[in-house]
Amino acid sequence: MLRELTLLRRERAKLRDRERALVAAARREGVTWREVGVALGVSHQAVCKRFSKDA
């Protein structure tokens, strides 16, 4: 069970990195914060706050 939890933690980190990369790529292509928010199922304010320093 502990090994699986460790694997889960690593997978979450990979997903977090992938999400950041995709958001940054979308922003470079002109996708709005509102559109990113819709895709992620959160408000544009939440997504902007979370990712604006990365874009």
PDB file of N, CA and C in Angstrom:
ATOM      1  N   MET A   1       0.822  -1.186   0.000  1.00  0.00           N
ATOM      2  CA  MET A   1       0.000   0.000   0.000  1.00  0.00           C
ATOM      3  C   MET A   1       0.873   1.259   0.000  1.00  0.00           C
ATOM      4  N   LEU A   2       1.939   1.301   0.785  1.00  0.00           N
ATOM      5  CA  LEU A   2       2.789   2.486   0.837  1.00  0.00           C
ATOM      6  C   LEU A   2       3.491   2.735  -0.497  1.00  0.00           C
ATOM      7  N   ARG A   3       3.874   1.666  -1.146  1.00  0.00           N
ATOM      8  CA  ARG A   3       4.503   1.809  -2.466  1.00  0.00           C
ATOM      9  C   ARG A   3       3.531   2.443  -3.449  1.00  0.00           C
ATOM     10  N   GLU A   4       2.289   2.020  -3.408  1.00  0.00           N
ATOM     11  CA  GLU A   4       1.274   2.589  -4.294  1.00  0.00           C
ATOM     12  C   GLU A   4       1.027   4.062  -3.991  1.00  0.00           C
ATOM     13  N   LEU A   5       1.049   4.423  -2.718  1.00  0.00           N
ATOM     14  CA  LEU A   5       0.878   5.827  -2.360  1.00  0.00           C
ATOM     15  C   LEU A   5       2.040   6.675  -2.885  1.00  0.00           C
ATOM     16  N   THR A   6       3.228   6.124  -2.820  1.00  0.00           N
ATOM     17  CA  THR A   6       4.393   6.819  -3.347  1.00  0.00           C
ATOM     18  C   THR A   6       4.265   6.998  -4.858  1.00  0.00           C
ATOM     19  N   LEU A   7       3.828   5.951  -5.543  1.00  0.00           N
ATOM     20  CA  LEU A   7       3.608   6.039  -6.987  1.00  0.00           C
ATOM     21  C   LEU A   7       2.540   7.072  -7.323  1.00  0.00           C
ATOM     22  N   LEU A   8       1.499   7.105  -6.526  1.00  0.00           N
ATOM     23  CA  LEU A   8       0.431   8.075  -6.723  1.00  0.00           C
ATOM     24  C   LEU A   8       0.956   9.501  -6.590  1.00  0.00           C
ATOM     25  N   ARG A   9       1.784   9.733  -5.593  1.00  0.00           N
ATOM     26  CA  ARG A   9       2.374  11.067  -5.388  1.00  0.00           C
ATOM     27  C   ARG A   9       3.192  11.468  -6.619  1.00  0.00           C
ATOM     28  N   ARG A  10       3.955  10.544  -7.153  1.00  0.00           N
ATOM     29  CA  ARG A  10       4.769  10.830  -8.346  1.00  0.00           C
ATOM     30  C   ARG A  10       3.896  11.124  -9.563  1.00  0.00           C
ATOM     31  N   GLU A  11       2.837  10.356  -9.711  1.00  0.00           N
ATOM     32  CA  GLU A  11       1.930  10.580 -10.835  1.00  0.00           C
ATOM     33  C   GLU A  11       1.245  11.943 -10.735  1.00  0.00           C
ATOM     34  N   ARG A  12       0.854  12.321  -9.519  1.00  0.00           N
ATOM     35  CA  ARG A  12       0.250  13.646  -9.323  1.00  0.00           C
ATOM     36  C   ARG A  12       1.212  14.745  -9.737  1.00  0.00           C
ATOM     37  N   ALA A  13       2.478  14.599  -9.370  1.00  0.00           N
ATOM     38  CA  ALA A  13       3.492  15.591  -9.738  1.00  0.00           C
ATOM     39  C   ALA A  13       3.640  15.676 -11.258  1.00  0.00           C
ATOM     40  N   LYS A  14       3.628  14.527 -11.927  1.00  0.00           N
ATOM     41  CA  LYS A  14       3.722  14.505 -13.392  1.00  0.00           C
ATOM     42  C   LYS A  14       2.513  15.204 -14.013  1.00  0.00           C
ATOM     43  N   LEU A  15       1.322  14.914 -13.481  1.00  0.00           N
ATOM     44  CA  LEU A  15       0.113  15.545 -14.001  1.00  0.00           C
ATOM     45  C   LEU A  15       0.132  17.053 -13.781  1.00  0.00           C
ATOM     46  N   ARG A  16       0.595  17.478 -12.629  1.00  0.00           N
ATOM     47  CA  ARG A  16       0.698  18.906 -12.314  1.00  0.00           C
ATOM     48  C   ARG A  16       1.639  19.590 -13.317  1.00  0.00           C
ATOM     49  N   ASP A  17       2.779  18.960 -13.588  1.00  0.00           N
ATOM     50  CA  ASP A  17       3.729  19.526 -14.549  1.00  0.00           C
ATOM     51  C   ASP A  17       3.128  19.578 -15.951  1.00  0.00           C
ATOM     52  N   ARG A  18       2.438  18.527 -16.337  1.00  0.00           N
ATOM     53  CA  ARG A  18       1.805  18.483 -17.659  1.00  0.00           C
ATOM     54  C   ARG A  18       0.727  19.554 -17.787  1.00  0.00           C
ATOM     55  N   GLU A  19      -0.069  19.730 -16.730  1.00  0.00           N
ATOM     56  CA  GLU A  19      -1.114  20.742 -16.729  1.00  0.00           C
ATOM     57  C   GLU A  19      -0.501  22.127 -16.911  1.00  0.00           C
ATOM     58  N   ARG A  20       0.554  22.420 -16.171  1.00  0.00           N
ATOM     59  CA  ARG A  20       1.226  23.722 -16.295  1.00  0.00           C
ATOM     60  C   ARG A  20       1.751  23.940 -17.713  1.00  0.00           C
ATOM     61  N   ALA A  21       2.347  22.907 -18.293  1.00  0.00           N
ATOM     62  CA  ALA A  21       2.880  23.017 -19.647  1.00  0.00           C
ATOM     63  C   ALA A  21       1.759  23.266 -20.658  1.00  0.00           C
ATOM     64  N   LEU A  22       0.644  22.565 -20.504  1.00  0.00           N
ATOM     65  CA  LEU A  22      -0.477  22.739 -21.426  1.00  0.00           C
ATOM     66  C   LEU A  22      -1.113  24.107 -21.298  1.00  0.00           C
ATOM     67  N   VAL A  23      -1.252  24.591 -20.079  1.00  0.00           N
ATOM     68  CA  VAL A  23      -1.814  25.929 -19.867  1.00  0.00           C
ATOM     69  C   VAL A  23      -0.882  26.971 -20.489  1.00  0.00           C
ATOM     70  N   ALA A  24       0.406  26.850 -20.259  1.00  0.00           N
ATOM     71  CA  ALA A  24       1.362  27.800 -20.833  1.00  0.00           C
ATOM     72  C   ALA A  24       1.306  27.770 -22.359  1.00  0.00           C
ATOM     73  N   ALA A  25       1.220  26.583 -22.941  1.00  0.00           N
ATOM     74  CA  ALA A  25       1.138  26.467 -24.396  1.00  0.00           C
ATOM     75  C   ALA A  25      -0.151  27.095 -24.922  1.00  0.00           C
ATOM     76  N   ALA A  26      -1.238  26.841 -24.237  1.00  0.00           N
ATOM     77  CA  ALA A  26      -2.523  27.422 -24.643  1.00  0.00           C
ATOM     78  C   ALA A  26      -2.460  28.943 -24.596  1.00  0.00           C
ATOM     79  N   ARG A  27      -1.885  29.481 -23.547  1.00  0.00           N
ATOM     80  CA  ARG A  27      -1.779  30.932 -23.423  1.00  0.00           C
ATOM     81  C   ARG A  27      -0.895  31.521 -24.519  1.00  0.00           C
ATOM     82  N   ARG A  28       0.187  30.842 -24.852  1.00  0.00           N
ATOM     83  CA  ARG A  28       1.056  31.318 -25.942  1.00  0.00           C
ATOM     84  C   ARG A  28       0.316  31.348 -27.277  1.00  0.00           C
ATOM     85  N   GLU A  29      -0.643  30.438 -27.429  1.00  0.00           N
ATOM     86  CA  GLU A  29      -1.435  30.374 -28.662  1.00  0.00           C
ATOM     87  C   GLU A  29      -2.636  31.316 -28.641  1.00  0.00           C
ATOM     88  N   GLY A  30      -2.775  32.087 -27.573  1.00  0.00           N
ATOM     89  CA  GLY A  30      -3.838  33.083 -27.518  1.00  0.00           C
ATOM     90  C   GLY A  30      -5.117  32.655 -26.830  1.00  0.00           C
ATOM     91  N   VAL A  31      -5.125  31.489 -26.213  1.00  0.00           N
ATOM     92  CA  VAL A  31      -6.306  31.033 -25.478  1.00  0.00           C
ATOM     93  C   VAL A  31      -6.466  31.925 -24.244  1.00  0.00           C
ATOM     94  N   THR A  32      -7.688  32.363 -23.987  1.00  0.00           N
ATOM     95  CA  THR A  32      -7.935  33.264 -22.848  1.00  0.00           C
ATOM     96  C   THR A  32      -7.961  32.492 -21.530  1.00  0.00           C
ATOM     97  N   TRP A  33      -7.787  33.246 -20.446  1.00  0.00           N
ATOM     98  CA  TRP A  33      -7.892  32.628 -19.114  1.00  0.00           C
ATOM     99  C   TRP A  33      -9.281  32.027 -18.926  1.00  0.00           C
ATOM    100  N   ARG A  34     -10.292  32.702 -19.463  1.00  0.00           N
ATOM    101  CA  ARG A  34     -11.667  32.184 -19.341  1.00  0.00           C
ATOM    102  C   ARG A  34     -11.792  30.830 -20.035  1.00  0.00           C
ATOM    103  N   GLU A  35     -11.241  30.701 -21.225  1.00  0.00           N
ATOM    104  CA  GLU A  35     -11.304  29.431 -21.963  1.00  0.00           C
ATOM    105  C   GLU A  35     -10.534  28.328 -21.239  1.00  0.00           C
ATOM    106  N   VAL A  36      -9.376  28.677 -20.690  1.00  0.00           N
ATOM    107  CA  VAL A  36      -8.609  27.695 -19.910  1.00  0.00           C
ATOM    108  C   VAL A  36      -9.426  27.265 -18.695  1.00  0.00           C
ATOM    109  N   GLY A  37     -10.046  28.223 -18.027  1.00  0.00           N
ATOM    110  CA  GLY A  37     -10.874  27.905 -16.864  1.00  0.00           C
ATOM    111  C   GLY A  37     -12.009  26.965 -17.197  1.00  0.00           C
ATOM    112  N   VAL A  38     -12.677  27.221 -18.311  1.00  0.00           N
ATOM    113  CA  VAL A  38     -13.775  26.344 -18.737  1.00  0.00           C
ATOM    114  C   VAL A  38     -13.242  24.927 -18.966  1.00  0.00           C
ATOM    115  N   ALA A  39     -12.106  24.827 -19.651  1.00  0.00           N
ATOM    116  CA  ALA A  39     -11.530  23.507 -19.939  1.00  0.00           C
ATOM    117  C   ALA A  39     -11.166  22.755 -18.663  1.00  0.00           C
ATOM    118  N   LEU A  40     -10.721  23.494 -17.647  1.00  0.00           N
ATOM    119  CA  LEU A  40     -10.318  22.862 -16.385  1.00  0.00           C
ATOM    120  C   LEU A  40     -11.461  22.767 -15.364  1.00  0.00           C
ATOM    121  N   GLY A  41     -12.594  23.378 -15.694  1.00  0.00           N
ATOM    122  CA  GLY A  41     -13.746  23.310 -14.795  1.00  0.00           C
ATOM    123  C   GLY A  41     -13.656  24.224 -13.595  1.00  0.00           C
ATOM    124  N   VAL A  42     -12.946  25.359 -13.764  1.00  0.00           N
ATOM    125  CA  VAL A  42     -12.830  26.340 -12.685  1.00  0.00           C
ATOM    126  C   VAL A  42     -13.053  27.731 -13.267  1.00  0.00           C
ATOM    127  N   SER A  43     -13.191  28.722 -12.399  1.00  0.00           N
ATOM    128  CA  SER A  43     -13.387  30.096 -12.863  1.00  0.00           C
ATOM    129  C   SER A  43     -12.115  30.629 -13.505  1.00  0.00           C
ATOM    130  N   HIS A  44     -12.293  31.640 -14.346  1.00  0.00           N
ATOM    131  CA  HIS A  44     -11.101  32.234 -14.953  1.00  0.00           C
ATOM    132  C   HIS A  44     -10.235  32.920 -13.908  1.00  0.00           C
ATOM    133  N   GLN A  45     -10.864  33.431 -12.832  1.00  0.00           N
ATOM    134  CA  GLN A  45     -10.085  34.041 -11.754  1.00  0.00           C
ATOM    135  C   GLN A  45      -9.184  33.008 -11.078  1.00  0.00           C
ATOM    136  N   ALA A  46      -9.739  31.824 -10.831  1.00  0.00           N
ATOM    137  CA  ALA A  46      -8.968  30.766 -10.165  1.00  0.00           C
ATOM    138  C   ALA A  46      -7.808  30.308 -11.030  1.00  0.00           C
ATOM    139  N   VAL A  47      -8.069  30.118 -12.321  1.00  0.00           N
ATOM    140  CA  VAL A  47      -7.007  29.636 -13.200  1.00  0.00           C
ATOM    141  C   VAL A  47      -5.941  30.718 -13.403  1.00  0.00           C
ATOM    142  N   CYS A  48      -6.347  31.951 -13.499  1.00  0.00           N
ATOM    143  CA  CYS A  48      -5.393  33.051 -13.647  1.00  0.00           C
ATOM    144  C   CYS A  48      -4.504  33.146 -12.407  1.00  0.00           C
ATOM    145  N   LYS A  49      -5.112  33.065 -11.244  1.00  0.00           N
ATOM    146  CA  LYS A  49      -4.349  33.129  -9.996  1.00  0.00           C
ATOM    147  C   LYS A  49      -3.354  31.974  -9.902  1.00  0.00           C
ATOM    148  N   ARG A  50      -3.779  30.803 -10.314  1.00  0.00           N
ATOM    149  CA  ARG A  50      -2.936  29.625 -10.191  1.00  0.00           C
ATOM    150  C   ARG A  50      -1.800  29.586 -11.202  1.00  0.00           C
ATOM    151  N   PHE A  51      -2.051  30.047 -12.431  1.00  0.00           N
ATOM    152  CA  PHE A  51      -1.086  29.861 -13.504  1.00  0.00           C
ATOM    153  C   PHE A  51      -0.465  31.143 -14.063  1.00  0.00           C
ATOM    154  N   SER A  52      -0.951  32.298 -13.706  1.00  0.00           N
ATOM    155  CA  SER A  52      -0.477  33.517 -14.378  1.00  0.00           C
ATOM    156  C   SER A  52       1.021  33.740 -14.213  1.00  0.00           C
ATOM    157  N   LYS A  53       1.610  33.320 -13.120  1.00  0.00           N
ATOM    158  CA  LYS A  53       3.059  33.505 -12.943  1.00  0.00           C
ATOM    159  C   LYS A  53       3.862  32.567 -13.835  1.00  0.00           C
ATOM    160  N   ASP A  54       3.207  31.501 -14.370  1.00  0.00           N
ATOM    161  CA  ASP A  54       3.899  30.532 -15.228  1.00  0.00           C
ATOM    162  C   ASP A  54       3.784  30.891 -16.706  1.00  0.00           C
ATOM    163  N   ALA A  55       2.798  31.709 -17.028  1.00  0.00           N
ATOM    164  CA  ALA A  55       2.524  31.980 -18.459  1.00  0.00           C
ATOM    165  C   ALA A  55       3.406  33.087 -18.985  1.00  0.00           C
TER     166      ALA A  55
END
